[in-house]
C-alpha cells in the first residue's frame, strides 16, 4: 500500500466517487473536495502528493485554485 495522499477536486459527485474508488483500489489514500473553496481549505490543512483538479468548479474555478496552490506550496522538496 502506498503512503501517497491524493486530493480529487471535482464537483460531479459520481465522477469523484469513481476516481476515488479506483485510486484507493490501487493503494492510494484519496480525499475528495466538491468545490474550489473546500479544496483550498483541505490543501491548507493537509499535504497532498498529487491533486486531481477539475477546471470548471463552482465558487472558485480550477485555474483560480491552481494559482492559490502555487502561491502557498513549495514543490520538489
Protein backbone atom coordinates (compact mmCIF):
# COMPACT_ATOMS: atom_id res chain seq x y z
CA UNK A 1 0.00 0.00 0.00
CA UNK A 2 1.29 3.45 -0.93
CA UNK A 3 1.65 6.21 1.60
CA UNK A 4 0.92 8.77 -1.11
CA UNK A 5 -2.02 11.05 -0.44
CA UNK A 6 -4.16 12.45 -3.26
CA UNK A 7 -6.88 15.07 -3.45
CA UNK A 8 -9.61 14.99 -6.07
CA UNK A 9 -11.31 18.37 -6.57
CA UNK A 10 -14.39 17.55 -8.65
CA UNK A 11 -17.95 18.85 -8.44
CA UNK A 12 -19.55 15.90 -10.26
CA UNK A 13 -20.12 13.56 -7.33
CA UNK A 14 -20.36 10.35 -9.34
CA UNK A 15 -17.11 11.02 -11.22
CA UNK A 16 -15.33 11.92 -7.97
CA UNK A 17 -16.53 8.68 -6.37
CA UNK A 18 -15.32 6.60 -9.32
CA UNK A 19 -11.89 8.26 -9.28
CA UNK A 20 -11.60 7.89 -5.52
CA UNK A 21 -12.55 4.20 -5.64
CA UNK A 22 -10.10 3.41 -8.43
CA UNK A 23 -7.26 5.25 -6.72
CA UNK A 24 -7.95 3.56 -3.39
CA UNK A 25 -8.08 0.15 -5.10
CA UNK A 26 -4.62 0.99 -6.47
CA UNK A 27 -3.37 1.56 -2.94
CA UNK A 28 -3.58 5.34 -2.60
CA UNK A 29 -5.37 7.39 0.04
CA UNK A 30 -7.71 9.73 -1.84
CA UNK A 31 -9.77 12.59 -0.42
CA UNK A 32 -12.49 14.48 -2.31
CA UNK A 33 -13.47 18.16 -2.36
CA UNK A 34 -16.63 19.22 -4.18
CA UNK A 35 -15.61 22.81 -4.99
CA UNK A 36 -12.57 25.06 -5.12
CA UNK A 37 -13.05 26.63 -1.70
CA UNK A 38 -13.34 23.28 0.05
CA UNK A 39 -10.29 22.08 -1.88
CA UNK A 40 -8.31 25.15 -0.82
CA UNK A 41 -9.17 24.59 2.85
CA UNK A 42 -8.20 20.92 2.62
CA UNK A 43 -4.87 21.80 0.97
CA UNK A 44 -4.14 24.30 3.74
CA UNK A 45 -4.71 21.60 6.37
CA UNK A 46 -3.10 18.57 4.72
CA UNK A 47 -0.15 17.92 2.40
CA UNK A 48 -1.09 16.13 -0.82
CA UNK A 49 1.36 14.39 -3.14
CA UNK A 50 -0.98 14.86 -6.10
CA UNK A 51 -4.06 16.98 -6.75
CA UNK A 52 -6.50 15.99 -9.49
CA UNK A 53 -8.17 19.28 -10.29
CA UNK A 54 -11.27 19.93 -12.38
CA UNK A 55 -11.22 23.28 -14.19
CA UNK A 56 -14.95 24.04 -14.21
CA UNK A 57 -15.73 24.18 -10.47
CA UNK A 58 -18.31 26.17 -8.56
CA UNK A 59 -17.28 29.10 -6.31
CA UNK A 60 -13.57 29.01 -7.21
CA UNK A 61 -12.66 27.51 -10.57
CA UNK A 62 -9.70 25.23 -11.14
CA UNK A 63 -7.49 27.97 -12.59
CA UNK A 64 -8.04 30.18 -9.55
CA UNK A 65 -7.39 27.30 -7.17
CA UNK A 66 -4.21 26.35 -9.04
CA UNK A 67 -2.94 29.94 -8.67
CA UNK A 68 -3.68 29.82 -4.93
CA UNK A 69 -1.88 26.49 -4.57
CA UNK A 70 1.19 27.82 -6.37
CA UNK A 71 1.33 30.85 -4.06
CA UNK A 72 1.49 28.71 -0.93
CA UNK A 73 3.01 25.35 -1.87
CA UNK A 74 6.66 24.53 -2.34
CA UNK A 75 7.28 21.88 -4.97
CA UNK A 76 10.04 19.35 -5.40
CA UNK A 77 11.06 19.11 -1.74
